[in-house]
C-alpha atoms as a PDB file:
ATOM      1  CA  MET A   1       1.365 165.723  38.352  1.00  0.00           C
ATOM      2  CA  PRO A   2       2.646 167.676  35.044  1.00  0.00           C
ATOM      3  CA  ALA A   3       1.130 166.013  31.811  1.00  0.00           C
ATOM      4  CA  ALA A   4       3.701 163.524  29.936  1.00  0.00           C
ATOM      5  CA  ALA A   5       5.189 165.014  26.785  1.00  0.00           C
ATOM      6  CA  GLY A   6       7.007 161.588  25.723  1.00  0.00           C
ATOM      7  CA  PRO A   7       5.517 158.350  24.814  1.00  0.00           C
ATOM      8  CA  GLY A   8       1.836 159.552  25.743  1.00  0.00           C
ATOM      9  CA  ILE A   9       1.320 160.863  22.043  1.00  0.00           C
ATOM     10  CA  SER A  10       2.597 161.020  18.780  1.00  0.00           C
ATOM     11  CA  VAL A  11       2.235 164.191  16.495  1.00  0.00           C
ATOM     12  CA  SER A  12       2.926 164.630  12.822  1.00  0.00           C
ATOM     13  CA  THR A  13       2.391 166.564   9.759  1.00  0.00           C
ATOM     14  CA  THR A  14       1.710 166.263   6.439  1.00  0.00           C
ATOM     15  CA  GLY A  15       1.329 169.643   4.305  1.00  0.00           C
ATOM     16  CA  SER A  16      -1.061 171.635   5.896  1.00  0.00           C
ATOM     17  CA  THR A  17      -2.765 168.475   8.125  1.00  0.00           C
ATOM     18  CA  VAL A  18      -1.676 167.877  11.541  1.00  0.00           C
ATOM     19  CA  SER A  19      -2.347 164.468  13.271  1.00  0.00           C
ATOM     20  CA  VAL A  20      -2.126 163.027  16.630  1.00  0.00           C
ATOM     21  CA  THR A  21      -1.865 159.349  17.749  1.00  0.00           C
ATOM     22  CA  THR A  22      -2.322 158.156  21.011  1.00  0.00           C
ATOM     23  CA  SER A  23      -3.013 154.671  22.967  1.00  0.00           C
ATOM     24  CA  ALA A  24      -3.180 156.136  26.411  1.00  0.00           C
ATOM     25  CA  CYS A  25      -7.184 156.677  26.424  1.00  0.00           C
ATOM     26  CA  THR A  26     -10.183 154.066  27.378  1.00  0.00           C
ATOM     27  CA  GLN A  27     -13.334 154.546  26.002  1.00  0.00           C
ATOM     28  CA  ILE A  28     -16.227 156.015  28.343  1.00  0.00           C
ATOM     29  CA  SER A  29     -19.724 156.429  27.126  1.00  0.00           C
ATOM     30  CA  GLY A  30     -18.650 155.713  23.619  1.00  0.00           C
ATOM     31  CA  SER A  31     -16.233 158.623  23.520  1.00  0.00           C
ATOM     32  CA  TRP A  32     -12.398 158.251  23.437  1.00  0.00           C
ATOM     33  CA  GLY A  33     -11.704 161.701  24.152  1.00  0.00           C
ATOM     34  CA  THR A  34     -10.691 165.352  22.357  1.00  0.00           C
ATOM     35  CA  ALA A  35      -7.774 166.376  21.287  1.00  0.00           C
ATOM     36  CA  SER A  36      -6.902 170.471  20.461  1.00  0.00           C
ATOM     37  CA  LEU A  37      -4.736 172.154  18.628  1.00  0.00           C
ATOM     38  CA  LEU A  38      -3.439 175.399  20.089  1.00  0.00           C
ATOM     39  CA  THR A  39      -1.569 178.564  18.407  1.00  0.00           C
ATOM     40  CA  SER A  40       1.269 180.008  20.312  1.00  0.00           C
ATOM     41  CA  SER A  41      -1.053 182.887  21.670  1.00  0.00           C
ATOM     42  CA  GLN A  42      -3.655 180.574  22.823  1.00  0.00           C
ATOM     43  CA  GLY A  43      -3.214 179.242  26.475  1.00  0.00           C
ATOM     44  CA  SER A  44      -5.813 176.772  27.422  1.00  0.00           C
ATOM     45  CA  PHE A  45      -7.467 173.529  25.918  1.00  0.00           C
ATOM     46  CA  ALA A  46     -10.882 175.340  25.215  1.00  0.00           C
ATOM     47  CA  GLN A  47      -9.366 177.930  22.954  1.00  0.00           C
ATOM     48  CA  GLY A  48      -7.567 175.722  20.627  1.00  0.00           C
ATOM     49  CA  ARG A  49      -9.421 173.973  17.513  1.00  0.00           C
ATOM     50  CA  GLN A  50     -10.874 170.791  19.121  1.00  0.00           C
ATOM     51  CA  VAL A  51     -11.178 167.248  17.349  1.00  0.00           C
ATOM     52  CA  THR A  52     -12.992 164.435  18.926  1.00  0.00           C
ATOM     53  CA  LEU A  53     -10.596 161.118  19.122  1.00  0.00           C
ATOM     54  CA  SER A  54     -11.454 157.822  16.871  1.00  0.00           C
ATOM     55  CA  GLY A  55     -10.064 154.534  17.014  1.00  0.00           C
ATOM     56  CA  THR A  56      -9.929 151.638  18.600  1.00  0.00           C
ATOM     57  CA  SER A  57      -8.838 150.202  22.077  1.00  0.00           C
ATOM     58  CA  THR A  58      -4.998 150.030  20.835  1.00  0.00           C
ATOM     59  CA  SER A  59      -4.769 153.257  19.236  1.00  0.00           C
ATOM     60  CA  GLN A  60      -7.043 156.669  19.047  1.00  0.00           C
ATOM     61  CA  SER A  61      -6.308 159.528  16.589  1.00  0.00           C
ATOM     62  CA  ALA A  62      -7.440 162.845  15.581  1.00  0.00           C
ATOM     63  CA  ALA A  63      -6.430 165.005  12.649  1.00  0.00           C
ATOM     64  CA  TRP A  64      -6.721 168.963  11.713  1.00  0.00           C
ATOM     65  CA  SER A  65      -6.824 170.067   7.881  1.00  0.00           C
ATOM     66  CA  SER A  66      -5.712 173.350   6.746  1.00  0.00           C
ATOM     67  CA  VAL A  67      -3.745 174.245   9.347  1.00  0.00           C
ATOM     68  CA  SER A  68      -1.628 177.217   8.320  1.00  0.00           C
ATOM     69  CA  ALA A  69       2.055 177.593   8.811  1.00  0.00           C
ATOM     70  CA  GLY A  70       3.495 178.240  12.424  1.00  0.00           C
ATOM     71  CA  THR A  71       4.051 176.470  15.713  1.00  0.00           C
ATOM     72  CA  TYR A  72       1.361 174.891  17.245  1.00  0.00           C
ATOM     73  CA  THR A  73       0.901 172.876  20.756  1.00  0.00           C
ATOM     74  CA  VAL A  74      -1.150 169.472  20.668  1.00  0.00           C
ATOM     75  CA  ILE A  75      -2.916 168.305  23.869  1.00  0.00           C
ATOM     76  CA  VAL A  76      -4.930 165.262  24.141  1.00  0.00           C
ATOM     77  CA  ILE A  77      -7.328 164.639  27.116  1.00  0.00           C
ATOM     78  CA  CYS A  78      -9.226 161.537  27.435  1.00  0.00           C
ATOM     79  CA  SER A  79     -12.459 160.980  28.221  1.00  0.00           C
ATOM     80  CA  ASP A  80     -11.954 159.879  32.100  1.00  0.00           C
ATOM     81  CA  GLY A  81     -10.347 163.665  31.989  1.00  0.00           C
ATOM     82  CA  THR A  82      -6.467 162.408  32.354  1.00  0.00           C
ATOM     83  CA  THR A  83      -4.258 164.282  29.683  1.00  0.00           C
ATOM     84  CA  ALA A  84      -2.703 161.618  27.539  1.00  0.00           C
ATOM     85  CA  GLY A  85       0.127 164.261  26.341  1.00  0.00           C
ATOM     86  CA  THR A  86       1.208 167.219  25.074  1.00  0.00           C
ATOM     87  CA  GLN A  87       3.645 168.047  21.954  1.00  0.00           C
ATOM     88  CA  SER A  88       4.544 170.857  19.990  1.00  0.00           C
ATOM     89  CA  VAL A  89       4.654 170.654  16.195  1.00  0.00           C
ATOM     90  CA  VAL A  90       5.810 173.317  13.597  1.00  0.00           C
ATOM     91  CA  VAL A  91       3.643 173.045  10.537  1.00  0.00           C
ATOM     92  CA  SER A  92       5.879 174.436   7.607  1.00  0.00           C
ATOM     93  CA  PRO A  93       4.749 176.945   5.119  1.00  0.00           C
ATOM     94  CA  THR A  94       3.557 175.225   1.749  1.00  0.00           C
ATOM     95  CA  PRO A  95       4.713 176.933  -1.427  1.00  0.00           C
ATOM     96  CA  SER A  96       1.944 177.662  -3.579  1.00  0.00           C
ATOM     97  CA  PRO A  97       2.674 178.121  -7.562  1.00  0.00           C
ATOM     98  CA  THR A  98       1.976 181.597  -8.637  1.00  0.00           C
ATOM     99  CA  ARG A  99       1.686 182.551 -12.202  1.00  0.00           C
ATOM    100  CA  SER A 100       2.292 186.296 -13.413  1.00  0.00           C
ATOM    101  CA  PRO A 101       0.321 187.350 -16.384  1.00  0.00           C
ATOM    102  CA  SER A 102       3.376 189.612 -17.382  1.00  0.00           C
ATOM    103  CA  PRO A 103       6.629 188.695 -18.525  1.00  0.00           C
ATOM    104  CA  SER A 104       9.105 188.638 -15.445  1.00  0.00           C
ATOM    105  CA  ALA A 105      12.897 189.725 -15.681  1.00  0.00           C
ATOM    106  CA  SER A 106      15.353 187.302 -16.128  1.00  0.00           C
ATOM    107  CA  PRO A 107      16.359 184.924 -13.535  1.00  0.00           C
ATOM    108  CA  SER A 108      19.109 186.495 -11.408  1.00  0.00           C
ATOM    109  CA  ARG A 109      20.708 183.075 -10.209  1.00  0.00           C
ATOM    110  CA  GLY A 110      20.131 181.493 -13.894  1.00  0.00           C
ATOM    111  CA  VAL A 111      18.286 178.324 -14.725  1.00  0.00           C
ATOM    112  CA  MET A 112      17.565 175.951 -11.889  1.00  0.00           C
ATOM    113  CA  GLY A 113      17.565 172.454 -13.569  1.00  0.00           C
ATOM    114  CA  GLY A 114      16.242 169.430 -11.783  1.00  0.00           C
ATOM    115  CA  THR A 115      13.883 171.246  -9.293  1.00  0.00           C
ATOM    116  CA  GLY A 116      10.923 171.220 -11.660  1.00  0.00           C
ATOM    117  CA  GLY A 117       7.975 169.023 -11.713  1.00  0.00           C
ATOM    118  CA  SER A 118       4.425 168.788 -12.173  1.00  0.00           C
ATOM    119  CA  ALA A 119       3.011 171.815 -10.484  1.00  0.00           C
ATOM    120  CA  THR A 120      -0.680 169.900 -10.842  1.00  0.00           C
ATOM    121  CA  ASP A 121      -1.757 166.625  -9.443  1.00  0.00           C
ATOM    122  CA  TYR A 122      -4.600 165.437 -12.568  1.00  0.00           C
ATOM    123  CA  GLY A 123      -7.375 163.446 -11.653  1.00  0.00           C
ATOM    124  CA  THR A 124      -8.044 160.052 -13.354  1.00  0.00           C
ATOM    125  CA  VAL A 125     -10.639 161.880 -15.740  1.00  0.00           C
ATOM    126  CA  THR A 126      -8.231 164.151 -17.356  1.00  0.00           C
ATOM    127  CA  LEU A 127      -5.491 161.594 -17.889  1.00  0.00           C
ATOM    128  CA  VAL A 128      -7.993 159.052 -19.163  1.00  0.00           C
ATOM    129  CA  ALA A 129      -9.149 161.813 -21.680  1.00  0.00           C
ATOM    130  CA  GLY A 130      -5.883 162.716 -22.641  1.00  0.00           C
ATOM    131  CA  GLY A 131      -5.135 158.980 -23.181  1.00  0.00           C
ATOM    132  CA  THR A 132      -8.282 158.899 -25.483  1.00  0.00           C
ATOM    133  CA  LEU A 133      -7.028 161.725 -27.713  1.00  0.00           C
ATOM    134  CA  VAL A 134      -3.397 160.235 -28.153  1.00  0.00           C
ATOM    135  CA  GLY A 135      -4.914 156.986 -28.909  1.00  0.00           C
ATOM    136  CA  ALA A 136      -7.219 158.609 -31.488  1.00  0.00           C
ATOM    137  CA  GLY A 137      -4.434 160.560 -32.854  1.00  0.00           C
ATOM    138  CA  LEU A 138      -2.364 157.187 -33.412  1.00  0.00           C
ATOM    139  CA  LEU A 139      -5.029 155.514 -35.365  1.00  0.00           C
ATOM    140  CA  GLY A 140      -6.109 158.347 -37.528  1.00  0.00           C
ATOM    141  CA  THR A 141      -2.159 158.557 -38.559  1.00  0.00           C
ATOM    142  CA  ALA A 142      -2.351 154.888 -39.204  1.00  0.00           C
ATOM    143  CA  TRP A 143      -5.073 154.970 -41.270  1.00  0.00           C
ATOM    144  CA  TYR A 144      -4.012 158.045 -43.132  1.00  0.00           C
ATOM    145  CA  LEU A 145      -0.800 156.442 -43.755  1.00  0.00           C
ATOM    146  CA  ARG A 146      -2.278 153.164 -44.949  1.00  0.00           C
ATOM    147  CA  ARG A 147      -4.923 154.867 -47.094  1.00  0.00           C
ATOM    148  CA  ARG A 148      -1.853 156.734 -48.813  1.00  0.00           C
ATOM    149  CA  HIS A 149       0.285 153.575 -49.290  1.00  0.00           C
ATOM    150  CA  LYS A 150      -2.600 151.614 -51.510  1.00  0.00           C
ATOM    151  CA  PRO A 151      -3.032 152.565 -55.416  1.00  0.00           C
ATOM    152  CA  TYR A 152      -5.915 155.200 -56.486  1.00  0.00           C
ATOM    153  CA  ARG A 153      -8.766 152.994 -57.247  1.00  0.00           C
ATOM    154  CA  PHE A 154     -11.276 154.533 -59.506  1.00  0.00           C
END
């Protein structure tokens, strides 16, 4: 009997992470089963990147991180040996910001307004340090202007 591709598993991608969820497996000897991520050149479950399923009796899942762009097949085999499902997934390439040390030529398409944004996600420590510096600058400015406003004392 061929493996079901439909409701047995649900595969999704977020950036370079591929995740699979199923509710078809039952726990046997502490194991739910195994999921495998196969490239287009790999033909069997054993050749793929295998991850052990984790979860509860209502939902089991697995995930692969740092997956490069391409088309993959996800196969989930439960611990009792049955195939929960097979599904193809496409991982899109993530554009990486590149900085060129030398000046580049003028853009041929002009300025593309509105497509920018922050290329770096700054952490909490960086944001707190920046906020502290801004606060110190405001306090210093207020102190300077207040001292300047008072008449000179001898």
